[in-house]
Amino acid sequence: MIYAALAAVIFLTDMVIKNWVERKCTEGKERKIGKGLLLLRKHHNKGAFLNAGEGKSKLVALLSIVLTLAMTVVFLATFSFRGSRLLKIGLAMLLGGAYSNTYDRIHRNYVVDYVSFPVKNEAVRRIIFNISDFCIMIGALCMVLGST
């Protein structure tokens, strides 16, 4: 049950932040947060990671739904056996992030991204994330480490 709660906390936290960003931030403007460690920037991502598939938002949304449902089945299956805690934490993090981004794709037709890193490399600086993206990446890493 704690793993489902973790997924729910990730989903709800990211949704609260996304709704705040939608109301309070202007796309194209940035401001430093965390003593300049991060940049707050509103961006509507109409594709997948790095705007891949931007012109095919319905296909991206469908793929997102299918993958999220498949991961949900895997997640639910882990409750029936004693498995690695790290694997279950990874699945919960991945699902919390996937649900949030999939929800955006269905209800907004884009994913709200809002944080980037103030680095000198312009290509890296242009990449904008949200909490769900970080949870998906960290969750996938935890799953790999937990399944070995």
C-alpha atoms as a PDB file:
ATOM      1  CA  MET A   1       0.000   0.000   0.000  1.00  0.00           C
ATOM      2  CA  ILE A   2       2.886   2.353   0.714  1.00  0.00           C
ATOM      3  CA  TYR A   3       4.033   2.026  -2.902  1.00  0.00           C
ATOM      4  CA  ALA A   4       0.633   3.073  -4.230  1.00  0.00           C
ATOM      5  CA  ALA A   5       0.737   6.018  -1.816  1.00  0.00           C
ATOM      6  CA  LEU A   6       4.149   7.017  -3.199  1.00  0.00           C
ATOM      7  CA  ALA A   7       2.776   6.983  -6.754  1.00  0.00           C
ATOM      8  CA  ALA A   8      -0.224   9.067  -5.631  1.00  0.00           C
ATOM      9  CA  VAL A   9       1.987  11.625  -3.855  1.00  0.00           C
ATOM     10  CA  ILE A  10       4.126  12.033  -6.977  1.00  0.00           C
ATOM     11  CA  PHE A  11       1.032  12.435  -9.158  1.00  0.00           C
ATOM     12  CA  LEU A  12      -0.648  14.949  -6.839  1.00  0.00           C
ATOM     13  CA  THR A  13       2.510  16.985  -6.175  1.00  0.00           C
ATOM     14  CA  ASP A  14       3.271  17.330  -9.854  1.00  0.00           C
ATOM     15  CA  MET A  15      -0.344  18.201 -10.684  1.00  0.00           C
ATOM     16  CA  VAL A  16      -0.409  20.941  -8.030  1.00  0.00           C
ATOM     17  CA  ILE A  17       2.815  22.423  -9.401  1.00  0.00           C
ATOM     18  CA  LYS A  18       1.642  22.138 -13.016  1.00  0.00           C
ATOM     19  CA  ASN A  19      -1.635  23.906 -12.188  1.00  0.00           C
ATOM     20  CA  TRP A  20       0.268  26.649 -10.364  1.00  0.00           C
ATOM     21  CA  VAL A  21       2.657  27.068 -13.308  1.00  0.00           C
ATOM     22  CA  GLU A  22      -0.285  27.251 -15.723  1.00  0.00           C
ATOM     23  CA  ARG A  23      -1.901  30.036 -13.668  1.00  0.00           C
ATOM     24  CA  LYS A  24       1.132  32.042 -12.555  1.00  0.00           C
ATOM     25  CA  CYS A  25       3.854  31.719 -15.191  1.00  0.00           C
ATOM     26  CA  THR A  26       4.192  33.095 -18.698  1.00  0.00           C
ATOM     27  CA  GLU A  27       5.604  30.866 -21.410  1.00  0.00           C
ATOM     28  CA  GLY A  28       8.967  32.121 -22.633  1.00  0.00           C
ATOM     29  CA  LYS A  29       9.927  33.845 -19.364  1.00  0.00           C
ATOM     30  CA  GLU A  30      12.230  32.320 -16.815  1.00  0.00           C
ATOM     31  CA  ARG A  31      13.133  32.971 -13.211  1.00  0.00           C
ATOM     32  CA  LYS A  32      15.797  31.528 -10.970  1.00  0.00           C
ATOM     33  CA  ILE A  33      14.723  29.321  -8.098  1.00  0.00           C
ATOM     34  CA  GLY A  34      16.655  27.517  -5.370  1.00  0.00           C
ATOM     35  CA  LYS A  35      19.330  30.213  -5.183  1.00  0.00           C
ATOM     36  CA  GLY A  36      19.870  29.949  -8.930  1.00  0.00           C
ATOM     37  CA  LEU A  37      20.292  26.152  -9.036  1.00  0.00           C
ATOM     38  CA  LEU A  38      17.201  25.776 -11.229  1.00  0.00           C
ATOM     39  CA  LEU A  39      15.201  27.835 -13.704  1.00  0.00           C
ATOM     40  CA  LEU A  40      11.419  28.005 -13.571  1.00  0.00           C
ATOM     41  CA  ARG A  41      10.153  28.063 -17.167  1.00  0.00           C
ATOM     42  CA  LYS A  42       6.674  27.232 -18.440  1.00  0.00           C
ATOM     43  CA  HIS A  43       6.590  25.063 -21.540  1.00  0.00           C
ATOM     44  CA  HIS A  44       3.789  23.127 -23.232  1.00  0.00           C
ATOM     45  CA  ASN A  45       5.307  19.896 -24.543  1.00  0.00           C
ATOM     46  CA  LYS A  46       2.987  18.549 -27.243  1.00  0.00           C
ATOM     47  CA  GLY A  47       5.083  15.451 -27.858  1.00  0.00           C
ATOM     48  CA  ALA A  48       7.073  13.055 -25.723  1.00  0.00           C
ATOM     49  CA  PHE A  49      10.568  13.536 -24.267  1.00  0.00           C
ATOM     50  CA  LEU A  50      12.338  16.454 -26.000  1.00  0.00           C
ATOM     51  CA  ASN A  51       9.144  17.086 -28.010  1.00  0.00           C
ATOM     52  CA  ALA A  52       9.596  13.848 -29.974  1.00  0.00           C
ATOM     53  CA  GLY A  53       6.417  13.180 -31.930  1.00  0.00           C
ATOM     54  CA  GLU A  54       5.210  16.739 -31.475  1.00  0.00           C
ATOM     55  CA  GLY A  55       3.119  16.634 -34.635  1.00  0.00           C
ATOM     56  CA  LYS A  56       1.491  13.363 -33.580  1.00  0.00           C
ATOM     57  CA  SER A  57       0.066  14.248 -30.167  1.00  0.00           C
ATOM     58  CA  LYS A  58      -2.836  11.765 -30.412  1.00  0.00           C
ATOM     59  CA  LEU A  59      -0.435   8.907 -31.172  1.00  0.00           C
ATOM     60  CA  VAL A  60       1.856  10.008 -28.319  1.00  0.00           C
ATOM     61  CA  ALA A  61      -1.154  10.129 -25.954  1.00  0.00           C
ATOM     62  CA  LEU A  62      -2.309   6.654 -27.051  1.00  0.00           C
ATOM     63  CA  LEU A  63       1.186   5.222 -26.596  1.00  0.00           C
ATOM     64  CA  SER A  64       1.385   6.905 -23.192  1.00  0.00           C
ATOM     65  CA  ILE A  65      -1.928   5.335 -22.136  1.00  0.00           C
ATOM     66  CA  VAL A  66      -0.915   1.864 -23.334  1.00  0.00           C
ATOM     67  CA  LEU A  67       2.495   1.976 -21.619  1.00  0.00           C
ATOM     68  CA  THR A  68       1.022   3.372 -18.397  1.00  0.00           C
ATOM     69  CA  LEU A  69      -1.606   0.623 -18.309  1.00  0.00           C
ATOM     70  CA  ALA A  70       1.033  -2.040 -18.978  1.00  0.00           C
ATOM     71  CA  MET A  71       3.205  -0.697 -16.146  1.00  0.00           C
ATOM     72  CA  THR A  72       0.140  -0.632 -13.882  1.00  0.00           C
ATOM     73  CA  VAL A  73      -0.400  -4.353 -14.519  1.00  0.00           C
ATOM     74  CA  VAL A  74       3.261  -5.046 -13.690  1.00  0.00           C
ATOM     75  CA  PHE A  75       2.969  -2.850 -10.582  1.00  0.00           C
ATOM     76  CA  LEU A  76      -0.143  -4.689  -9.360  1.00  0.00           C
ATOM     77  CA  ALA A  77       1.511  -8.055 -10.017  1.00  0.00           C
ATOM     78  CA  THR A  78       4.393  -7.151  -7.680  1.00  0.00           C
ATOM     79  CA  PHE A  79       1.974  -7.076  -4.731  1.00  0.00           C
ATOM     80  CA  SER A  80       1.389 -10.822  -5.033  1.00  0.00           C
ATOM     81  CA  PHE A  81       5.000 -11.779  -4.380  1.00  0.00           C
ATOM     82  CA  ARG A  82       7.833 -10.811  -2.144  1.00  0.00           C
ATOM     83  CA  GLY A  83      10.099  -8.770  -4.302  1.00  0.00           C
ATOM     84  CA  SER A  84      12.774  -6.197  -4.073  1.00  0.00           C
ATOM     85  CA  ARG A  85      11.723  -3.023  -2.299  1.00  0.00           C
ATOM     86  CA  LEU A  86      13.871  -1.039  -4.704  1.00  0.00           C
ATOM     87  CA  LEU A  87      12.027  -2.563  -7.659  1.00  0.00           C
ATOM     88  CA  LYS A  88       8.656  -1.664  -6.099  1.00  0.00           C
ATOM     89  CA  ILE A  89       9.803   1.865  -5.256  1.00  0.00           C
ATOM     90  CA  GLY A  90      11.015   2.253  -8.831  1.00  0.00           C
ATOM     91  CA  LEU A  91       7.702   1.051 -10.229  1.00  0.00           C
ATOM     92  CA  ALA A  92       5.792   3.420  -7.933  1.00  0.00           C
ATOM     93  CA  MET A  93       7.940   6.396  -8.955  1.00  0.00           C
ATOM     94  CA  LEU A  94       7.662   5.526 -12.628  1.00  0.00           C
ATOM     95  CA  LEU A  95       3.889   5.126 -12.382  1.00  0.00           C
ATOM     96  CA  GLY A  96       3.347   8.339 -10.414  1.00  0.00           C
ATOM     97  CA  GLY A  97       5.200  10.251 -13.121  1.00  0.00           C
ATOM     98  CA  ALA A  98       3.553   8.358 -15.957  1.00  0.00           C
ATOM     99  CA  TYR A  99       0.060   8.992 -14.595  1.00  0.00           C
ATOM    100  CA  SER A 100       0.737  12.717 -14.278  1.00  0.00           C
ATOM    101  CA  ASN A 101       2.132  13.138 -17.781  1.00  0.00           C
ATOM    102  CA  THR A 102      -0.530  10.862 -19.297  1.00  0.00           C
ATOM    103  CA  TYR A 103      -3.255  12.841 -17.516  1.00  0.00           C
ATOM    104  CA  ASP A 104      -1.847  16.019 -19.076  1.00  0.00           C
ATOM    105  CA  ARG A 105      -1.774  14.467 -22.544  1.00  0.00           C
ATOM    106  CA  ILE A 106      -5.427  13.424 -22.237  1.00  0.00           C
ATOM    107  CA  HIS A 107      -6.871  16.537 -20.558  1.00  0.00           C
ATOM    108  CA  ARG A 108      -4.636  19.357 -21.815  1.00  0.00           C
ATOM    109  CA  ASN A 109      -3.324  17.862 -25.082  1.00  0.00           C
ATOM    110  CA  TYR A 110       0.192  18.744 -23.887  1.00  0.00           C
ATOM    111  CA  VAL A 111       2.420  18.121 -20.878  1.00  0.00           C
ATOM    112  CA  VAL A 112       3.312  21.075 -18.673  1.00  0.00           C
ATOM    113  CA  ASP A 113       7.093  21.221 -18.186  1.00  0.00           C
ATOM    114  CA  TYR A 114       8.541  23.838 -15.855  1.00  0.00           C
ATOM    115  CA  VAL A 115      12.094  23.358 -14.642  1.00  0.00           C
ATOM    116  CA  SER A 116      15.482  23.455 -16.339  1.00  0.00           C
ATOM    117  CA  PHE A 117      19.112  23.836 -15.388  1.00  0.00           C
ATOM    118  CA  PRO A 118      21.051  27.115 -15.754  1.00  0.00           C
ATOM    119  CA  VAL A 119      24.078  25.675 -17.535  1.00  0.00           C
ATOM    120  CA  LYS A 120      26.257  27.267 -20.195  1.00  0.00           C
ATOM    121  CA  ASN A 121      25.553  24.578 -22.780  1.00  0.00           C
ATOM    122  CA  GLU A 122      22.554  26.023 -24.628  1.00  0.00           C
ATOM    123  CA  ALA A 123      21.294  22.640 -25.856  1.00  0.00           C
ATOM    124  CA  VAL A 124      21.106  21.318 -22.286  1.00  0.00           C
ATOM    125  CA  ARG A 125      19.717  24.614 -20.956  1.00  0.00           C
ATOM    126  CA  ARG A 126      16.779  24.406 -23.402  1.00  0.00           C
ATOM    127  CA  ILE A 127      15.604  21.048 -22.007  1.00  0.00           C
ATOM    128  CA  ILE A 128      12.641  21.610 -19.679  1.00  0.00           C
ATOM    129  CA  PHE A 129      11.422  18.952 -17.240  1.00  0.00           C
ATOM    130  CA  ASN A 130       8.756  18.427 -14.631  1.00  0.00           C
ATOM    131  CA  ILE A 131       8.819  16.372 -11.427  1.00  0.00           C
ATOM    132  CA  SER A 132       7.193  13.456 -13.232  1.00  0.00           C
ATOM    133  CA  ASP A 133      10.058  13.317 -15.726  1.00  0.00           C
ATOM    134  CA  PHE A 134      12.588  13.055 -12.887  1.00  0.00           C
ATOM    135  CA  CYS A 135      10.500  10.384 -11.146  1.00  0.00           C
ATOM    136  CA  ILE A 136      10.230   8.367 -14.360  1.00  0.00           C
ATOM    137  CA  MET A 137      14.010   8.474 -14.864  1.00  0.00           C
ATOM    138  CA  ILE A 138      14.853   7.714 -11.220  1.00  0.00           C
ATOM    139  CA  GLY A 139      12.125   5.056 -11.071  1.00  0.00           C
ATOM    140  CA  ALA A 140      13.477   3.303 -14.152  1.00  0.00           C
ATOM    141  CA  LEU A 141      16.974   3.300 -12.638  1.00  0.00           C
ATOM    142  CA  CYS A 142      15.614   1.895  -9.345  1.00  0.00           C
ATOM    143  CA  MET A 143      13.755  -0.821 -11.270  1.00  0.00           C
ATOM    144  CA  VAL A 144      16.914  -1.885 -13.064  1.00  0.00           C
ATOM    145  CA  LEU A 145      18.940  -1.903  -9.870  1.00  0.00           C
ATOM    146  CA  GLY A 146      16.172  -3.650  -7.944  1.00  0.00           C
ATOM    147  CA  SER A 147      15.681  -6.404 -10.483  1.00  0.00           C
ATOM    148  CA  THR A 148      19.276  -7.603 -10.474  1.00  0.00           C
END
